[in-house]
Amino acid sequence: MKLERKTKETDISLELDIYGSGKCDISTGVGFFDHMLTAMCVHGGFDMTLSCKGDLQVDCHHTVEDCGIVMGKAFGEALGDKSGIARFGTAYVPMDEALAFVSLDISNRSYLVFDAAFKAPMCGDYDTQMTVEFFRAFAVNAGITLHAKLMYGENAHHATEALYKALARALKEAVKKNGGAALSSKGVL
């Protein structure tokens, strides 16, 4: 799946294979965010090439949110009518003292419940409050009901990374092919 999105704030180019092997080439200009997206690829088994040129002289907000928009759209489009997938995914991911939980439903009904308080406002050049913005943009544009919770954690790097990895592992579980029709009593999602 290839997508491009250009606004006055960001210029994004994305290639995504949700059934890949975890290979990625990420360049957003926000080092910690690149690290999080790389972790998503590795732990989700997605192949992704992502380039974003954003208005980082403002801050990282537009870059992070717009990447979530583009990734969500690509993810949703790659799944088509969403038939033949497991649909649901849940993961707990520990990272040292931090523990994160994500549970999701690829349902075509976008919703986000996000419960995480970070002990530090920044991880390098990444504003930790942008984590919820990425999760929201991704879930809304992919048509996913997504629940994310930081169970506990002291180190903002560990807490944030555990959330991104939990998202990746839940997605990997949800997109597993089951060979059947859409997993819905309605017959369609």
Protein backbone atom coordinates (compact mmCIF):
# COMPACT_ATOMS: atom_id res chain seq x y z
CA MET A 1 0.00 0.00 0.00
CA LYS A 2 1.40 3.39 -1.01
CA LEU A 3 0.07 6.72 0.21
CA GLU A 4 1.18 10.32 0.07
CA ARG A 5 -0.19 13.32 1.92
CA LYS A 6 0.97 16.88 1.52
CA THR A 7 -0.29 19.82 3.57
CA LYS A 8 1.15 23.19 4.54
CA GLU A 9 2.50 21.49 7.67
CA THR A 10 3.78 18.10 6.47
CA ASP A 11 4.82 16.21 3.34
CA ILE A 12 4.51 12.45 3.90
CA SER A 13 5.27 9.45 1.70
CA LEU A 14 4.46 5.95 2.95
CA GLU A 15 4.81 2.38 1.71
CA LEU A 16 3.30 -0.28 3.98
CA ASP A 17 3.05 -4.07 3.86
CA ILE A 18 1.16 -5.32 6.91
CA TYR A 19 2.26 -8.90 6.18
CA GLY A 20 5.97 -8.20 6.01
CA SER A 21 8.93 -9.19 8.14
CA GLY A 22 9.56 -6.04 10.17
CA LYS A 23 11.85 -4.24 7.72
CA CYS A 24 11.59 -0.48 7.85
CA ASP A 25 13.12 2.77 6.76
CA ILE A 26 11.72 5.62 8.85
CA SER A 27 12.65 9.29 8.59
CA THR A 28 10.41 11.85 10.28
CA GLY A 29 13.00 14.26 11.68
CA VAL A 30 11.93 13.29 15.23
CA GLY A 31 14.49 10.74 16.44
CA PHE A 32 12.46 9.21 19.26
CA PHE A 33 9.36 8.93 17.05
CA ASP A 34 11.45 7.13 14.40
CA HIS A 35 12.51 4.75 17.18
CA MET A 36 8.84 4.12 18.14
CA LEU A 37 7.75 3.47 14.54
CA THR A 38 10.71 1.15 14.03
CA ALA A 39 9.64 -0.76 17.15
CA MET A 40 6.11 -0.99 15.72
CA CYS A 41 7.42 -2.48 12.48
CA VAL A 42 9.66 -5.00 14.19
CA HIS A 43 7.08 -6.15 16.75
CA GLY A 44 4.12 -6.01 14.35
CA GLY A 45 5.90 -7.68 11.45
CA PHE A 46 5.11 -4.75 9.15
CA ASP A 47 7.39 -3.56 6.36
CA MET A 48 7.27 0.22 6.14
CA THR A 49 9.08 3.01 4.38
CA LEU A 50 8.02 6.37 5.77
CA SER A 51 9.37 9.81 4.97
CA CYS A 52 7.96 12.93 6.58
CA LYS A 53 9.13 16.49 6.24
CA GLY A 54 7.26 18.52 8.83
CA ASP A 55 7.25 21.95 10.40
CA LEU A 56 9.54 20.89 13.23
CA GLN A 57 10.49 24.51 13.84
CA VAL A 58 7.03 24.70 15.48
CA ASP A 59 7.23 21.38 17.35
CA CYS A 60 6.63 17.70 16.61
CA HIS A 61 2.82 17.83 16.81
CA HIS A 62 1.96 17.99 13.10
CA THR A 63 4.60 15.43 12.17
CA VAL A 64 3.46 12.83 14.71
CA GLU A 65 -0.28 13.34 14.19
CA ASP A 66 -0.08 13.43 10.39
CA CYS A 67 2.04 10.28 10.31
CA GLY A 68 -0.71 8.63 12.40
CA ILE A 69 -3.30 9.79 9.87
CA VAL A 70 -1.38 8.41 6.89
CA MET A 71 -0.44 5.15 8.62
CA GLY A 72 -4.04 4.64 9.75
CA LYS A 73 -5.42 5.23 6.25
CA ALA A 74 -2.86 2.88 4.70
CA PHE A 75 -3.53 0.21 7.31
CA GLY A 76 -7.30 0.41 6.76
CA GLU A 77 -6.97 0.36 2.98
CA ALA A 78 -4.54 -2.57 3.07
CA LEU A 79 -7.18 -4.65 4.88
CA GLY A 80 -9.89 -3.91 2.29
CA ASP A 81 -13.28 -5.14 3.53
CA LYS A 82 -11.51 -6.75 6.50
CA SER A 83 -12.79 -10.23 5.70
CA GLY A 84 -10.58 -13.17 6.52
CA ILE A 85 -8.80 -11.65 9.55
CA ALA A 86 -8.94 -12.44 13.25
CA ARG A 87 -10.22 -8.87 13.86
CA PHE A 88 -9.39 -8.67 17.59
CA GLY A 89 -5.97 -8.31 19.18
CA THR A 90 -4.71 -7.82 22.72
CA ALA A 91 -1.20 -7.46 24.09
CA TYR A 92 0.56 -6.70 27.35
CA VAL A 93 4.13 -5.51 26.90
CA PRO A 94 6.60 -5.02 29.76
CA MET A 95 9.61 -2.80 29.34
CA ASP A 96 11.75 -2.81 32.44
CA GLU A 97 9.61 -1.13 35.15
CA ALA A 98 6.80 -0.18 32.72
CA LEU A 99 3.84 -2.31 31.66
CA ALA A 100 1.47 -1.36 28.84
CA PHE A 101 -1.79 -2.91 27.65
CA VAL A 102 -3.51 -2.54 24.27
CA SER A 103 -6.68 -4.23 23.10
CA LEU A 104 -8.27 -3.47 19.75
CA ASP A 105 -11.03 -4.37 17.33
CA ILE A 106 -10.60 -3.76 13.60
CA SER A 107 -14.30 -3.00 13.30
CA ASN A 108 -14.70 0.04 11.01
CA ARG A 109 -15.86 1.83 14.17
CA SER A 110 -13.20 4.29 15.25
CA TYR A 111 -12.86 4.85 18.96
CA LEU A 112 -9.99 5.51 21.33
CA VAL A 113 -9.71 5.01 25.06
CA PHE A 114 -6.24 6.12 26.17
CA ASP A 115 -5.11 6.07 29.78
CA ALA A 116 -1.47 6.98 30.29
CA ALA A 117 0.32 9.53 32.41
CA PHE A 118 3.97 10.07 31.60
CA LYS A 119 6.47 11.05 34.29
CA ALA A 120 8.45 13.28 31.91
CA PRO A 121 7.17 15.66 29.23
CA MET A 122 9.85 14.84 26.65
CA CYS A 123 11.78 11.88 25.28
CA GLY A 124 14.51 13.56 23.27
CA ASP A 125 12.71 15.77 20.75
CA TYR A 126 9.41 13.87 21.17
CA ASP A 127 6.67 15.35 23.34
CA THR A 128 5.18 12.44 25.31
CA GLN A 129 1.69 13.96 25.10
CA MET A 130 1.90 13.27 21.35
CA THR A 131 1.50 9.55 22.06
CA VAL A 132 -2.25 9.93 22.49
CA GLU A 133 -2.41 12.09 19.35
CA PHE A 134 -0.68 9.40 17.29
CA PHE A 135 -2.90 6.64 18.70
CA ARG A 136 -6.04 8.71 18.01
CA ALA A 137 -5.05 9.65 14.46
CA PHE A 138 -4.11 6.05 13.70
CA ALA A 139 -7.28 4.51 15.19
CA VAL A 140 -9.67 7.01 13.60
CA ASN A 141 -8.15 6.69 10.14
CA ALA A 142 -7.81 2.89 10.26
CA GLY A 143 -11.36 2.29 11.56
CA ILE A 144 -10.17 0.66 14.76
CA THR A 145 -11.61 0.62 18.26
CA LEU A 146 -8.48 0.94 20.38
CA HIS A 147 -7.98 0.78 24.13
CA ALA A 148 -4.50 1.62 25.45
CA LYS A 149 -3.43 1.80 29.06
CA LEU A 150 -0.13 2.34 30.76
CA MET A 151 -0.52 0.07 33.76
CA TYR A 152 2.50 1.65 35.46
CA GLY A 153 5.97 2.94 34.69
CA GLU A 154 8.45 5.52 35.92
CA ASN A 155 10.64 6.08 32.87
CA ALA A 156 8.85 7.94 30.07
CA HIS A 157 10.99 6.27 27.40
CA HIS A 158 10.08 2.80 28.67
CA ALA A 159 6.40 3.69 29.15
CA THR A 160 6.02 5.16 25.67
CA GLU A 161 7.89 2.34 23.98
CA ALA A 162 5.83 -0.29 25.80
CA LEU A 163 2.64 1.34 24.48
CA TYR A 164 3.86 1.41 20.86
CA LYS A 165 5.05 -2.19 21.08
CA ALA A 166 1.76 -3.30 22.63
CA LEU A 167 -0.08 -1.60 19.77
CA ALA A 168 2.11 -3.42 17.25
CA ARG A 169 1.63 -6.83 18.86
CA ALA A 170 -2.15 -6.37 19.15
CA LEU A 171 -2.30 -5.35 15.47
CA LYS A 172 -0.23 -8.37 14.47
CA GLU A 173 -2.70 -10.64 16.27
CA ALA A 174 -5.76 -8.90 14.80
CA VAL A 175 -4.63 -9.06 11.15
CA LYS A 176 -3.84 -12.79 11.24
CA LYS A 177 -5.60 -14.44 8.34
CA ASN A 178 -8.36 -16.86 9.22
CA GLY A 179 -9.51 -17.58 5.66
CA GLY A 180 -13.16 -16.88 6.36
CA ALA A 181 -15.66 -14.13 5.79
CA ALA A 182 -15.78 -10.97 7.86
CA LEU A 183 -15.86 -11.98 11.52
CA SER A 184 -19.23 -10.36 12.28
CA SER A 185 -22.75 -11.58 12.96
CA LYS A 186 -23.85 -8.91 10.45
CA GLY A 187 -21.69 -10.53 7.77
CA VAL A 188 -19.85 -7.29 7.07
CA LEU A 189 -17.75 -4.82 9.03
